[in-house]
């Protein structure tokens, strides 16, 4: 008996018992579909996290030598007048200095493209009759595109020779009632008109010590023209800090040549881990390092953990489907005992009987896996759309179907179907033709 005849007998058997086989296939579809849906949803969530965190810190590593983030201490102050009279509130302990020697070493690390040092401190921002205590970052204002992602420089002045410019995040601008539309500069204006337009919106920035210390330096020009109000980036360091030139920041914050933050730009994402290891080794693990890759890895592990837990529940659906295959094939063996006896009497071997019933279980697995993948594809879109709709979450999350992962699920379903049909097929192949025929004589 060749494979064509085995295939014909299997098809005839499945057609005769189509209701039972359809229910068995349905159980397989549910288990396979759930696994495909959960896998695609978790892959989509991981992709969403990766893309958004890469926008927050694109090709960038932030190194801080402070014991705590100053901005976080501001958020913890309910009455911000306390800052004016508490001289210790802005004191931040330093572990290792960020000087020229340090930056020279970091520049020689393979993969480091550029280093932008910055001073950090707390300052008072004044606009008209509004004041706001805010975090201040002082960096090379000409290189801010390396620090602030998607910074629109189209309407900025071409040569920032003046140091009295400030860039304000939208979040802080709203607190001092400054409208971003008021800061737009027309590129068609002449240099004089452009400067006049920018200088029409000026703010003052003062060190908190100046407000209580009569010995402060009155010669420092604290008036700044607002160069740009930037939209939220998702990076708390950027969204809660105003930016001025490094030299002006050094004067206002009364800093030395020791920087507070270093923004490292890298050219290859595969080198991030080695860069971070070299930095930690140099500083003896005494600095704080922030990079998108590390955050993504932590969130990915969390997402995979949750997905694995939920998938383990979905596997029970596959187990139920496997039990259904065992029952279906075993029942088929009992109902076809006379047919088995006839085939063996005509010269059919145990291998032929075994192959006949295993082929039936394989067909059930293949049909269930194929329809389950389609069901999972449609179900993941329906589940995600309904979830986002009912929770009113305006997020651009889409299911991601990894061909390799989906293929693995399909193969597991088919292999599980084969193993489920193995025992009843083996029992059927061991039936004696004499007993089979005498039973129905």
Protein backbone atom coordinates (compact mmCIF):
# COMPACT_ATOMS: atom_id res chain seq x y z
CA UNK A 1 0.00 0.00 0.00
CA UNK A 2 1.52 3.29 -1.12
CA UNK A 3 1.12 6.79 0.33
CA UNK A 4 -1.64 7.68 -2.16
CA UNK A 5 -3.84 4.88 -0.86
CA UNK A 6 -3.08 5.80 2.77
CA UNK A 7 -3.98 9.41 1.97
CA UNK A 8 -7.27 8.31 0.36
CA UNK A 9 -8.24 6.15 3.33
CA UNK A 10 -7.38 8.97 5.74
CA UNK A 11 -9.42 11.50 3.75
CA UNK A 12 -12.39 9.13 3.63
CA UNK A 13 -12.22 8.54 7.37
CA UNK A 14 -12.06 12.28 8.17
CA UNK A 15 -14.95 12.97 5.81
CA UNK A 16 -17.12 10.35 7.50
CA UNK A 17 -16.38 11.82 10.93
CA UNK A 18 -16.30 15.48 9.94
CA UNK A 19 -18.25 16.80 12.94
CA UNK A 20 -15.91 15.21 15.47
CA UNK A 21 -12.83 16.25 13.47
CA UNK A 22 -14.17 19.79 13.10
CA UNK A 23 -14.52 20.14 16.87
CA UNK A 24 -11.00 18.77 17.37
CA UNK A 25 -9.61 21.22 14.81
CA UNK A 26 -11.50 24.04 16.54
CA UNK A 27 -9.72 23.26 19.83
CA UNK A 28 -6.37 23.32 18.02
CA UNK A 29 -7.29 26.62 16.33
CA UNK A 30 -8.09 28.25 19.68
CA UNK A 31 -4.80 27.18 21.28
CA UNK A 32 -2.64 28.07 18.27
CA UNK A 33 -4.50 31.35 17.68
CA UNK A 34 -4.02 32.46 21.28
CA UNK A 35 -0.28 31.77 21.13
CA UNK A 36 0.06 33.64 17.81
CA UNK A 37 -1.96 36.62 19.13
CA UNK A 38 0.03 36.89 22.35
CA UNK A 39 3.34 36.55 20.50
CA UNK A 40 2.46 39.23 17.95
CA UNK A 41 1.13 41.59 20.62
CA UNK A 42 4.24 41.22 22.79
CA UNK A 43 6.50 41.73 19.73
CA UNK A 44 4.50 44.83 18.81
CA UNK A 45 4.81 46.23 22.33
CA UNK A 46 8.57 45.58 22.33
CA UNK A 47 8.90 47.33 18.96
CA UNK A 48 6.84 50.28 20.26
CA UNK A 49 9.09 50.60 23.33
CA UNK A 50 12.28 50.37 21.24
CA UNK A 51 11.20 53.05 18.76
CA UNK A 52 10.02 55.51 21.41
CA UNK A 53 13.07 55.18 23.66
CA UNK A 54 15.37 55.53 20.67
CA UNK A 55 13.65 58.86 20.00
CA UNK A 56 14.22 59.94 23.60
CA UNK A 57 17.95 59.10 23.59
CA UNK A 58 18.96 58.64 19.94
CA UNK A 59 22.58 57.39 19.73
CA UNK A 60 23.24 58.98 23.08
CA UNK A 61 24.62 58.01 26.49
CA UNK A 62 24.23 60.39 29.43
CA UNK A 63 26.83 60.22 32.21
CA UNK A 64 26.29 61.97 35.52
CA UNK A 65 28.74 62.24 38.39
CA UNK A 66 26.17 63.52 40.87
CA UNK A 67 24.70 61.51 43.69
CA UNK A 68 21.17 62.55 42.81
CA UNK A 69 19.28 64.29 40.05
CA UNK A 70 18.68 67.87 41.05
CA UNK A 71 15.43 68.11 39.14
CA UNK A 72 13.92 65.32 41.19
CA UNK A 73 14.60 67.29 44.36
CA UNK A 74 12.67 70.23 42.90
CA UNK A 75 9.65 68.05 42.24
CA UNK A 76 9.73 66.96 45.85
CA UNK A 77 9.44 70.52 47.15
CA UNK A 78 5.79 71.39 47.59
CA UNK A 79 6.46 74.95 48.66
CA UNK A 80 9.07 76.20 46.22
CA UNK A 81 9.74 79.26 48.35
CA UNK A 82 11.70 76.86 50.52
CA UNK A 83 14.36 76.78 47.80
CA UNK A 84 15.05 80.47 48.25
CA UNK A 85 16.06 80.12 51.87
CA UNK A 86 17.56 76.65 51.96
CA UNK A 87 21.12 76.97 50.69
CA UNK A 88 21.74 73.22 51.03
CA UNK A 89 18.90 72.23 48.71
CA UNK A 90 21.01 72.75 45.61
CA UNK A 91 24.13 71.09 46.94
CA UNK A 92 24.91 67.88 45.10
CA UNK A 93 27.72 65.58 46.13
CA UNK A 94 30.19 64.64 43.37
CA UNK A 95 32.08 61.39 43.10
CA UNK A 96 34.61 61.88 40.28
CA UNK A 97 35.39 65.09 38.39
CA UNK A 98 34.54 65.48 34.69
CA UNK A 99 37.51 67.49 33.52
CA UNK A 100 39.48 67.72 30.25
CA UNK A 101 41.53 64.62 31.16
CA UNK A 102 38.35 62.61 31.60
CA UNK A 103 36.89 63.79 28.30
CA UNK A 104 40.12 63.01 26.49
CA UNK A 105 39.97 59.43 27.76
CA UNK A 106 36.32 59.05 26.78
CA UNK A 107 36.98 60.34 23.26
CA UNK A 108 39.47 57.51 22.72
CA UNK A 109 36.91 54.79 23.55
CA UNK A 110 36.02 52.92 20.33
CA UNK A 111 32.55 53.90 19.14
CA UNK A 112 32.40 57.31 20.84
CA UNK A 113 31.70 59.89 18.16
CA UNK A 114 31.36 63.10 20.14
CA UNK A 115 31.22 64.37 23.74
CA UNK A 116 29.13 67.34 24.83
CA UNK A 117 29.86 68.40 28.43
CA UNK A 118 27.29 70.35 30.41
CA UNK A 119 26.82 72.12 33.72
CA UNK A 120 23.71 71.40 35.74
CA UNK A 121 22.08 73.44 38.46
CA UNK A 122 18.89 74.96 39.81
CA UNK A 123 17.96 78.50 38.77
CA UNK A 124 15.10 80.97 38.90
CA UNK A 125 13.50 81.73 35.52
CA UNK A 126 11.61 85.04 35.24
CA UNK A 127 9.36 86.11 32.37
CA UNK A 128 7.39 89.34 32.76
CA UNK A 129 5.63 88.90 36.12
CA UNK A 130 5.97 85.11 36.24
CA UNK A 131 8.72 83.12 37.95
CA UNK A 132 9.61 79.45 37.97
CA UNK A 133 12.26 77.44 39.79
CA UNK A 134 13.72 75.11 37.18
CA UNK A 135 16.61 72.89 36.32
CA UNK A 136 19.32 74.53 34.21
CA UNK A 137 21.61 72.80 31.72
CA UNK A 138 24.47 74.76 30.23
CA UNK A 139 26.00 73.22 27.11
CA UNK A 140 27.47 74.33 23.79
CA UNK A 141 24.36 75.85 22.26
CA UNK A 142 25.67 75.25 18.74
CA UNK A 143 25.72 71.47 19.40
CA UNK A 144 22.31 71.13 21.03
CA UNK A 145 21.05 69.02 18.12
CA UNK A 146 23.28 66.25 19.53
CA UNK A 147 21.56 66.51 22.91
CA UNK A 148 17.94 67.36 22.05
CA UNK A 149 16.40 64.91 19.55
CA UNK A 150 14.43 66.35 16.62
CA UNK A 151 15.40 69.91 17.50
CA UNK A 152 14.13 72.15 14.71
CA UNK A 153 16.96 74.50 13.81
CA UNK A 154 15.27 75.85 10.68
CA UNK A 155 14.17 79.13 12.24
CA UNK A 156 17.19 79.62 14.48
CA UNK A 157 19.81 82.21 13.76
CA UNK A 158 22.58 80.88 11.55
CA UNK A 159 25.47 81.91 13.81
CA UNK A 160 24.94 81.84 17.54
CA UNK A 161 27.79 84.16 18.35
CA UNK A 162 25.87 85.72 21.19
CA UNK A 163 25.83 83.70 24.37
CA UNK A 164 22.59 85.19 25.71
CA UNK A 165 20.14 82.74 24.17
CA UNK A 166 17.93 80.26 26.01
CA UNK A 167 15.93 77.25 24.84
CA UNK A 168 12.87 76.46 26.96
CA UNK A 169 10.83 73.22 26.98
CA UNK A 170 7.10 73.57 26.39
CA UNK A 171 6.35 72.23 29.87
CA UNK A 172 8.30 75.06 31.54
CA UNK A 173 7.06 77.64 29.03
CA UNK A 174 3.47 76.91 30.01
CA UNK A 175 4.29 77.45 33.67
CA UNK A 176 5.49 81.00 32.98
CA UNK A 177 2.65 81.59 30.48
CA UNK A 178 4.91 81.85 27.45
CA UNK A 179 3.26 80.87 24.18
CA UNK A 180 5.44 78.92 21.75
CA UNK A 181 3.80 80.66 18.76
CA UNK A 182 5.24 83.94 19.99
CA UNK A 183 8.82 82.70 19.53
CA UNK A 184 8.62 81.73 15.83
CA UNK A 185 11.15 83.70 13.78
CA UNK A 186 10.53 84.33 10.10
CA UNK A 187 13.54 83.18 8.04
CA UNK A 188 12.79 85.85 5.43
CA UNK A 189 13.58 88.63 7.88
CA UNK A 190 16.87 90.45 7.79
CA UNK A 191 19.47 89.82 10.46
CA UNK A 192 18.56 93.04 12.30
CA UNK A 193 14.82 92.31 12.21
CA UNK A 194 15.43 88.71 13.25
CA UNK A 195 17.51 89.77 16.25
CA UNK A 196 14.88 92.35 17.19
CA UNK A 197 12.12 89.73 16.95
CA UNK A 198 14.03 87.33 19.18
CA UNK A 199 15.02 89.97 21.71
CA UNK A 200 11.39 91.03 22.08
CA UNK A 201 10.88 87.87 24.16
CA UNK A 202 13.49 87.95 26.89
CA UNK A 203 13.72 86.20 30.22
CA UNK A 204 16.05 86.55 33.15
CA UNK A 205 17.85 83.63 34.75
CA UNK A 206 19.28 83.93 38.23
CA UNK A 207 21.20 81.69 40.53
CA UNK A 208 19.15 80.98 43.63
CA UNK A 209 22.01 82.25 45.75
CA UNK A 210 21.71 85.66 44.12
CA UNK A 211 18.23 86.05 45.54
CA UNK A 212 19.49 85.73 49.12
CA UNK A 213 23.19 86.55 48.88
CA UNK A 214 24.02 90.25 48.76
CA UNK A 215 27.58 89.40 47.72
CA UNK A 216 26.51 88.00 44.35
CA UNK A 217 28.22 89.31 41.22
CA UNK A 218 26.04 92.11 39.75
CA UNK A 219 28.12 92.36 36.55
CA UNK A 220 26.68 89.14 35.04
CA UNK A 221 24.10 89.81 32.35
CA UNK A 222 21.19 87.54 33.24
CA UNK A 223 18.88 88.57 30.39
CA UNK A 224 18.36 85.97 27.67
CA UNK A 225 16.51 86.02 24.35
CA UNK A 226 14.27 82.97 23.91
CA UNK A 227 15.65 81.08 20.94
CA UNK A 228 13.13 78.26 20.85
CA UNK A 229 10.36 76.59 22.83
CA UNK A 230 10.73 72.86 22.19
CA UNK A 231 8.00 70.23 22.32
CA UNK A 232 8.08 67.39 24.82
CA UNK A 233 10.66 64.70 24.00
CA UNK A 234 9.81 62.18 26.71
CA UNK A 235 13.27 62.59 28.24
CA UNK A 236 12.82 64.03 31.77
CA UNK A 237 16.29 65.59 31.69
CA UNK A 238 15.39 67.64 28.61
CA UNK A 239 11.70 68.26 29.35
CA UNK A 240 12.45 69.71 32.79
CA UNK A 241 15.52 71.82 31.94
CA UNK A 242 16.19 75.09 30.23
CA UNK A 243 19.30 75.32 28.04
CA UNK A 244 21.83 78.14 27.82
CA UNK A 245 25.40 78.45 26.59
CA UNK A 246 28.05 76.63 28.60
CA UNK A 247 30.05 79.76 29.46
CA UNK A 248 27.02 81.73 30.65
CA UNK A 249 25.90 78.74 32.68
CA UNK A 250 29.32 78.50 34.27
CA UNK A 251 29.08 82.15 35.35
CA UNK A 252 25.50 82.04 36.60
CA UNK A 253 25.85 78.73 38.47
CA UNK A 254 29.33 79.72 39.72
CA UNK A 255 30.87 76.49 38.49
CA UNK A 256 34.50 75.46 38.10
CA UNK A 257 35.99 73.56 35.15
CA UNK A 258 34.42 70.39 36.54
CA UNK A 259 31.33 69.51 34.47
CA UNK A 260 28.22 67.81 35.88
CA UNK A 261 26.97 65.87 32.83
CA UNK A 262 28.50 64.34 29.74
CA UNK A 263 26.43 63.55 26.64
CA UNK A 264 28.20 60.86 24.61
CA UNK A 265 27.16 60.31 21.01
CA UNK A 266 27.99 56.88 19.55
CA UNK A 267 28.12 55.74 15.92
CA UNK A 268 27.19 52.07 16.31
CA UNK A 269 24.48 50.66 18.57
CA UNK A 270 26.36 47.36 18.79
CA UNK A 271 29.18 49.14 20.64
CA UNK A 272 26.96 50.62 23.37
CA UNK A 273 27.53 47.80 25.84
CA UNK A 274 31.31 47.94 25.46
CA UNK A 275 31.27 51.75 25.78
CA UNK A 276 29.24 51.54 29.00
CA UNK A 277 31.60 48.88 30.40
CA UNK A 278 34.67 51.01 29.58
CA UNK A 279 33.09 54.07 31.22
CA UNK A 280 32.13 52.19 34.37
CA UNK A 281 35.58 50.61 34.54
CA UNK A 282 37.28 54.02 34.26
CA UNK A 283 35.06 55.58 36.93
CA UNK A 284 35.09 52.46 39.11
CA UNK A 285 31.27 52.21 38.92
CA UNK A 286 30.87 55.59 40.64
CA UNK A 287 28.88 57.34 37.93
CA UNK A 288 25.28 57.16 36.79
CA UNK A 289 24.84 56.11 33.16
CA UNK A 290 21.61 56.52 31.24
CA UNK A 291 21.18 55.02 27.77
CA UNK A 292 18.13 53.94 25.79
CA UNK A 293 19.49 50.46 25.11
CA UNK A 294 19.67 49.58 28.80
CA UNK A 295 16.14 50.89 29.40
CA UNK A 296 14.86 48.97 26.40
CA UNK A 297 16.47 45.75 27.65
CA UNK A 298 14.87 46.12 31.08
CA UNK A 299 11.42 46.82 29.65
CA UNK A 300 11.79 44.03 27.09
CA UNK A 301 12.58 41.52 29.86
CA UNK A 302 9.48 42.68 31.73
CA UNK A 303 7.27 42.41 28.62
CA UNK A 304 8.65 38.96 27.75
CA UNK A 305 8.08 37.80 31.33
CA UNK A 306 4.43 38.89 31.29
CA UNK A 307 3.95 37.45 27.79
CA UNK A 308 5.49 34.13 28.83
CA UNK A 309 3.19 33.90 31.83
CA UNK A 310 0.09 34.56 29.73
CA UNK A 311 1.32 32.22 26.98
CA UNK A 312 1.69 29.44 29.54
CA UNK A 313 -2.05 29.76 30.14
CA UNK A 314 -2.71 29.60 26.38
CA UNK A 315 -0.67 26.40 26.17
CA UNK A 316 -3.43 24.69 28.16
CA UNK A 317 -5.69 25.26 25.14
CA UNK A 318 -3.19 23.34 23.03
CA UNK A 319 -3.12 20.57 25.62
CA UNK A 320 -6.91 20.37 25.44
CA UNK A 321 -6.59 20.17 21.65
CA UNK A 322 -4.05 17.37 22.02
CA UNK A 323 -6.41 15.44 24.26
CA UNK A 324 -9.07 15.97 21.62
CA UNK A 325 -6.77 14.43 18.99
CA UNK A 326 -6.10 11.43 21.24
CA UNK A 327 -9.83 10.88 21.75
CA UNK A 328 -10.59 11.40 18.05
CA UNK A 329 -7.91 8.99 16.80
CA UNK A 330 -8.64 6.40 19.47
CA UNK A 331 -12.35 6.50 18.67
CA UNK A 332 -11.48 6.20 14.98
CA UNK A 333 -9.39 3.12 15.75
CA UNK A 334 -12.27 1.49 17.64
CA UNK A 335 -14.79 2.30 14.90
CA UNK A 336 -12.46 1.07 12.13
CA UNK A 337 -11.38 -2.19 13.79
CA UNK A 338 -13.05 -4.27 11.03
CA UNK A 339 -11.35 -2.08 8.38
CA UNK A 340 -7.99 -2.67 10.08
CA UNK A 341 -8.63 -6.45 10.01
CA UNK A 342 -9.45 -6.39 6.30
CA UNK A 343 -6.35 -4.32 5.44
CA UNK A 344 -4.12 -6.71 7.39
CA UNK A 345 -5.81 -9.74 5.83
CA UNK A 346 -5.01 -8.30 2.39
CA UNK A 347 -1.32 -7.95 3.34
CA UNK A 348 -1.24 -4.62 5.15
CA UNK A 349 1.53 -4.37 7.75
CA UNK A 350 1.57 -2.72 11.16
CA UNK A 351 3.54 0.15 9.62
CA UNK A 352 0.72 0.81 7.13
CA UNK A 353 -1.91 0.95 9.91
CA UNK A 354 0.38 3.17 12.00
CA UNK A 355 0.98 5.50 9.06
CA UNK A 356 -2.73 5.68 8.28
CA UNK A 357 -3.73 6.95 11.72
CA UNK A 358 -0.66 9.18 12.12
CA UNK A 359 -1.49 10.79 8.78
CA UNK A 360 -4.93 11.60 10.14
CA UNK A 361 -3.45 13.25 13.24
CA UNK A 362 -0.97 15.18 11.06
CA UNK A 363 -3.84 16.46 8.90
CA UNK A 364 -5.71 17.60 11.99
CA UNK A 365 -2.57 19.40 13.22
CA UNK A 366 -1.77 21.07 9.89
CA UNK A 367 -5.34 22.29 9.32
CA UNK A 368 -5.59 23.51 12.93
CA UNK A 369 -2.19 25.25 12.78
CA UNK A 370 -2.92 27.04 9.48
CA UNK A 371 -6.37 28.23 10.54
CA UNK A 372 -4.99 29.05 14.02
CA UNK A 373 -2.34 31.35 12.56
CA UNK A 374 -5.01 33.18 10.53
CA UNK A 375 -7.23 33.35 13.62
CA UNK A 376 -4.33 34.71 15.68
CA UNK A 377 -3.53 37.32 13.02
CA UNK A 378 -7.11 38.63 12.99
CA UNK A 379 -7.62 38.19 16.72
CA UNK A 380 -4.53 40.20 17.67
CA UNK A 381 -5.79 43.22 15.69
CA UNK A 382 -9.26 42.94 17.20
CA UNK A 383 -7.94 42.53 20.76
CA UNK A 384 -5.50 45.43 20.48
CA UNK A 385 -8.00 47.77 18.81
CA UNK A 386 -10.62 47.01 21.44
CA UNK A 387 -8.14 47.40 24.28
CA UNK A 388 -6.92 50.81 23.05
CA UNK A 389 -10.47 51.96 22.28
CA UNK A 390 -12.04 51.12 25.63
CA UNK A 391 -9.08 52.53 27.58
CA UNK A 392 -8.93 55.57 25.28
CA UNK A 393 -5.18 55.24 24.72
CA UNK A 394 -3.95 57.15 21.63
CA UNK A 395 -0.91 54.89 21.10
CA UNK A 396 0.53 53.76 17.77
CA UNK A 397 0.94 50.11 18.73
CA UNK A 398 0.53 47.43 16.10
CA UNK A 399 0.92 43.64 16.24
CA UNK A 400 4.25 42.50 14.83
CA UNK A 401 4.30 39.06 13.20
CA UNK A 402 7.68 37.44 13.31
CA UNK A 403 7.80 34.75 10.65
CA UNK A 404 10.32 32.70 12.62
CA UNK A 405 8.28 32.81 15.85
CA UNK A 406 5.01 32.06 14.04
CA UNK A 407 6.66 29.14 12.22
CA UNK A 408 7.89 27.76 15.55
CA UNK A 409 4.35 27.86 16.94
CA UNK A 410 3.03 26.09 13.84
CA UNK A 411 5.70 23.40 14.06
CA UNK A 412 5.01 22.87 17.77
CA UNK A 413 1.30 22.42 17.05
CA UNK A 414 1.96 19.84 14.30
CA UNK A 415 4.54 17.92 16.37
CA UNK A 416 2.16 17.92 19.33
CA UNK A 417 -0.56 16.54 17.06
CA UNK A 418 1.74 13.73 15.90
CA UNK A 419 2.62 12.77 19.47
CA UNK A 420 -1.05 12.91 20.44
CA UNK A 421 -1.97 10.46 17.68
CA UNK A 422 1.01 8.19 18.27
CA UNK A 423 -0.47 6.08 21.07
CA UNK A 424 -3.89 5.33 19.52
CA UNK A 425 -2.21 4.72 16.14
CA UNK A 426 0.20 2.27 17.76
CA UNK A 427 -2.69 0.48 19.51
CA UNK A 428 -4.51 0.21 16.19
CA UNK A 429 -1.47 -1.20 14.42
CA UNK A 430 -1.19 -4.00 17.01
CA UNK A 431 -4.74 -5.29 16.48
CA UNK A 432 -4.75 -8.88 15.26
CA UNK A 433 -6.62 -9.34 11.97
CA UNK A 434 -8.23 -12.55 13.30
CA UNK A 435 -9.59 -10.78 16.36
CA UNK A 436 -10.65 -7.76 14.32
CA UNK A 437 -12.64 -9.83 11.80
CA UNK A 438 -14.04 -12.30 14.31
CA UNK A 439 -15.37 -9.44 16.41
CA UNK A 440 -17.61 -8.31 13.57
CA UNK A 441 -18.37 -11.70 12.02
